[in-house]
Amino acid sequence: MNYLTEEQLIQINARIIKKFTPQEIIGVREKEGLNAVVEAPKATAFGEDAYPTIFDIAAVLLLGIAGKQLFQNANKRTAIAATDIFLQINGYKATWEHDEYIAFVMDVV
């Protein structure tokens, strides 16, 4: 399993802001929370993976970034991009449309 690092998430967030809303502040709001989101997918419980499937891990990543508001700005956009990248580096490709992805994130967060 390939996981995203804190630095990669920070880079994803910065790139999104620079491309779409360059007037917004770039930066991490919750450093400890960011570390927790990065480490959560690796958690175990009673000797078993707490998140056994790639889709469980993707959900933890998506909800962790979007829900905890870890960055100064663009949290939902960062969550979408990071989840998509995570799935890609592990051999999966999202097949839904961008608008569907946005609507889904807005509904669950």
C-alpha atoms as a PDB file:
ATOM      1  CA  MET A   1       0.000   0.000   0.000  1.00  0.00           C
ATOM      2  CA  ASN A   2       1.299   3.441  -0.933  1.00  0.00           C
ATOM      3  CA  TYR A   3       0.358   6.221   1.476  1.00  0.00           C
ATOM      4  CA  LEU A   4       0.528   9.989   1.086  1.00  0.00           C
ATOM      5  CA  THR A   5       2.879  11.916   3.369  1.00  0.00           C
ATOM      6  CA  GLU A   6       2.283  15.169   5.218  1.00  0.00           C
ATOM      7  CA  GLU A   7       4.577  16.951   2.770  1.00  0.00           C
ATOM      8  CA  GLN A   8       2.652  15.595  -0.209  1.00  0.00           C
ATOM      9  CA  LEU A   9      -0.649  16.780   1.266  1.00  0.00           C
ATOM     10  CA  ILE A  10       0.844  20.219   1.893  1.00  0.00           C
ATOM     11  CA  GLN A  11       2.063  20.351  -1.711  1.00  0.00           C
ATOM     12  CA  ILE A  12      -1.337  19.280  -3.049  1.00  0.00           C
ATOM     13  CA  ASN A  13      -3.036  22.008  -1.022  1.00  0.00           C
ATOM     14  CA  ALA A  14      -0.565  24.681  -2.155  1.00  0.00           C
ATOM     15  CA  ARG A  15      -0.891  23.727  -5.825  1.00  0.00           C
ATOM     16  CA  ILE A  16      -4.676  23.844  -5.683  1.00  0.00           C
ATOM     17  CA  ILE A  17      -4.687  27.284  -4.095  1.00  0.00           C
ATOM     18  CA  LYS A  18      -2.064  28.671  -6.484  1.00  0.00           C
ATOM     19  CA  LYS A  19      -4.012  27.389  -9.483  1.00  0.00           C
ATOM     20  CA  PHE A  20      -7.587  28.236  -8.537  1.00  0.00           C
ATOM     21  CA  THR A  21      -7.596  30.872  -5.781  1.00  0.00           C
ATOM     22  CA  PRO A  22      -4.145  32.469  -5.551  1.00  0.00           C
ATOM     23  CA  GLN A  23      -5.425  35.225  -3.278  1.00  0.00           C
ATOM     24  CA  GLU A  24      -6.070  32.710  -0.482  1.00  0.00           C
ATOM     25  CA  ILE A  25      -3.619  32.024   2.335  1.00  0.00           C
ATOM     26  CA  ILE A  26      -1.564  28.850   1.925  1.00  0.00           C
ATOM     27  CA  GLY A  27      -0.591  26.889   5.008  1.00  0.00           C
ATOM     28  CA  VAL A  28      -1.384  24.245   7.585  1.00  0.00           C
ATOM     29  CA  ARG A  29      -3.810  25.239  10.318  1.00  0.00           C
ATOM     30  CA  GLU A  30      -3.566  22.030  12.369  1.00  0.00           C
ATOM     31  CA  LYS A  31      -0.134  20.342  12.166  1.00  0.00           C
ATOM     32  CA  GLU A  32      -1.033  17.659  14.721  1.00  0.00           C
ATOM     33  CA  GLY A  33      -4.289  16.973  12.916  1.00  0.00           C
ATOM     34  CA  LEU A  34      -2.456  16.632   9.616  1.00  0.00           C
ATOM     35  CA  ASN A  35      -0.137  14.067  11.170  1.00  0.00           C
ATOM     36  CA  ALA A  36      -3.133  12.202  12.580  1.00  0.00           C
ATOM     37  CA  VAL A  37      -4.801  12.063   9.149  1.00  0.00           C
ATOM     38  CA  VAL A  38      -1.600  10.733   7.566  1.00  0.00           C
ATOM     39  CA  GLU A  39      -1.157   8.078  10.261  1.00  0.00           C
ATOM     40  CA  ALA A  40      -4.822   7.023  10.661  1.00  0.00           C
ATOM     41  CA  PRO A  41      -4.899   4.731   7.594  1.00  0.00           C
ATOM     42  CA  LYS A  42      -2.067   2.682   9.106  1.00  0.00           C
ATOM     43  CA  ALA A  43      -3.906   2.082  12.398  1.00  0.00           C
ATOM     44  CA  THR A  44      -4.500  -1.384  13.780  1.00  0.00           C
ATOM     45  CA  ALA A  45      -6.990  -2.743  16.299  1.00  0.00           C
ATOM     46  CA  PHE A  46      -6.567  -6.110  17.992  1.00  0.00           C
ATOM     47  CA  GLY A  47      -3.794  -7.010  15.568  1.00  0.00           C
ATOM     48  CA  GLU A  48      -5.873  -6.266  12.469  1.00  0.00           C
ATOM     49  CA  ASP A  49      -5.895  -3.282  10.148  1.00  0.00           C
ATOM     50  CA  ALA A  50      -8.465  -0.772  11.391  1.00  0.00           C
ATOM     51  CA  TYR A  51      -9.130   0.160   7.757  1.00  0.00           C
ATOM     52  CA  PRO A  52      -8.705  -3.106   5.841  1.00  0.00           C
ATOM     53  CA  THR A  53      -9.538  -2.025   2.294  1.00  0.00           C
ATOM     54  CA  ILE A  54      -8.161   0.670   0.054  1.00  0.00           C
ATOM     55  CA  PHE A  55     -11.636   2.205  -0.027  1.00  0.00           C
ATOM     56  CA  ASP A  56     -11.791   2.363   3.774  1.00  0.00           C
ATOM     57  CA  ILE A  57      -8.443   4.151   3.735  1.00  0.00           C
ATOM     58  CA  ALA A  58      -9.596   6.521   0.985  1.00  0.00           C
ATOM     59  CA  ALA A  59     -12.671   7.387   3.063  1.00  0.00           C
ATOM     60  CA  VAL A  60     -10.551   8.093   6.151  1.00  0.00           C
ATOM     61  CA  LEU A  61      -8.307  10.349   4.092  1.00  0.00           C
ATOM     62  CA  LEU A  62     -11.194  12.200   2.451  1.00  0.00           C
ATOM     63  CA  LEU A  63     -13.146  12.766   5.652  1.00  0.00           C
ATOM     64  CA  GLY A  64     -10.052  13.558   7.686  1.00  0.00           C
ATOM     65  CA  ILE A  65      -8.885  16.348   5.402  1.00  0.00           C
ATOM     66  CA  ALA A  66     -12.284  17.790   4.496  1.00  0.00           C
ATOM     67  CA  GLY A  67     -13.854  17.419   7.911  1.00  0.00           C
ATOM     68  CA  LYS A  68     -11.042  18.552  10.177  1.00  0.00           C
ATOM     69  CA  GLN A  69     -10.199  21.726   8.222  1.00  0.00           C
ATOM     70  CA  LEU A  70      -6.456  21.099   8.530  1.00  0.00           C
ATOM     71  CA  PHE A  71      -5.401  23.773   6.054  1.00  0.00           C
ATOM     72  CA  GLN A  72      -5.981  27.520   6.001  1.00  0.00           C
ATOM     73  CA  ASN A  73      -8.026  27.153   2.795  1.00  0.00           C
ATOM     74  CA  ALA A  74      -9.138  24.673   0.128  1.00  0.00           C
ATOM     75  CA  ASN A  75      -9.723  21.755   2.490  1.00  0.00           C
ATOM     76  CA  LYS A  76     -12.476  20.087   0.471  1.00  0.00           C
ATOM     77  CA  ARG A  77     -10.614  20.554  -2.814  1.00  0.00           C
ATOM     78  CA  THR A  78      -7.464  19.169  -1.187  1.00  0.00           C
ATOM     79  CA  ALA A  79      -9.413  16.205   0.185  1.00  0.00           C
ATOM     80  CA  ILE A  80     -10.786  15.385  -3.260  1.00  0.00           C
ATOM     81  CA  ALA A  81      -7.408  15.699  -4.968  1.00  0.00           C
ATOM     82  CA  ALA A  82      -5.546  13.770  -2.264  1.00  0.00           C
ATOM     83  CA  THR A  83      -8.062  10.928  -2.311  1.00  0.00           C
ATOM     84  CA  ASP A  84      -7.904  10.722  -6.091  1.00  0.00           C
ATOM     85  CA  ILE A  85      -4.083  10.703  -6.033  1.00  0.00           C
ATOM     86  CA  PHE A  86      -4.049   8.084  -3.266  1.00  0.00           C
ATOM     87  CA  LEU A  87      -6.278   5.806  -5.317  1.00  0.00           C
ATOM     88  CA  GLN A  88      -4.195   6.371  -8.462  1.00  0.00           C
ATOM     89  CA  ILE A  89      -0.868   5.532  -6.803  1.00  0.00           C
ATOM     90  CA  ASN A  90      -2.473   2.314  -5.627  1.00  0.00           C
ATOM     91  CA  GLY A  91      -3.747   1.302  -9.052  1.00  0.00           C
ATOM     92  CA  TYR A  92      -7.303   2.679  -9.042  1.00  0.00           C
ATOM     93  CA  LYS A  93      -8.932   5.404 -11.099  1.00  0.00           C
ATOM     94  CA  ALA A  94     -12.035   7.313 -10.047  1.00  0.00           C
ATOM     95  CA  THR A  95     -14.722   7.086 -12.713  1.00  0.00           C
ATOM     96  CA  TRP A  96     -17.172   9.695 -11.516  1.00  0.00           C
ATOM     97  CA  GLU A  97     -17.438  13.207 -12.844  1.00  0.00           C
ATOM     98  CA  HIS A  98     -15.853  16.127 -11.008  1.00  0.00           C
ATOM     99  CA  ASP A  99     -19.264  17.625 -10.150  1.00  0.00           C
ATOM    100  CA  GLU A 100     -20.381  14.313  -8.648  1.00  0.00           C
ATOM    101  CA  TYR A 101     -17.241  14.199  -6.513  1.00  0.00           C
ATOM    102  CA  ILE A 102     -17.854  17.754  -5.263  1.00  0.00           C
ATOM    103  CA  ALA A 103     -21.502  17.015  -4.460  1.00  0.00           C
ATOM    104  CA  PHE A 104     -20.510  13.860  -2.585  1.00  0.00           C
ATOM    105  CA  VAL A 105     -17.940  15.664  -0.441  1.00  0.00           C
ATOM    106  CA  MET A 106     -20.352  18.489   0.324  1.00  0.00           C
ATOM    107  CA  ASP A 107     -22.961  15.932   1.434  1.00  0.00           C
ATOM    108  CA  VAL A 108     -20.688  13.960   3.751  1.00  0.00           C
ATOM    109  CA  VAL A 109     -18.765  16.796   5.388  1.00  0.00           C
END
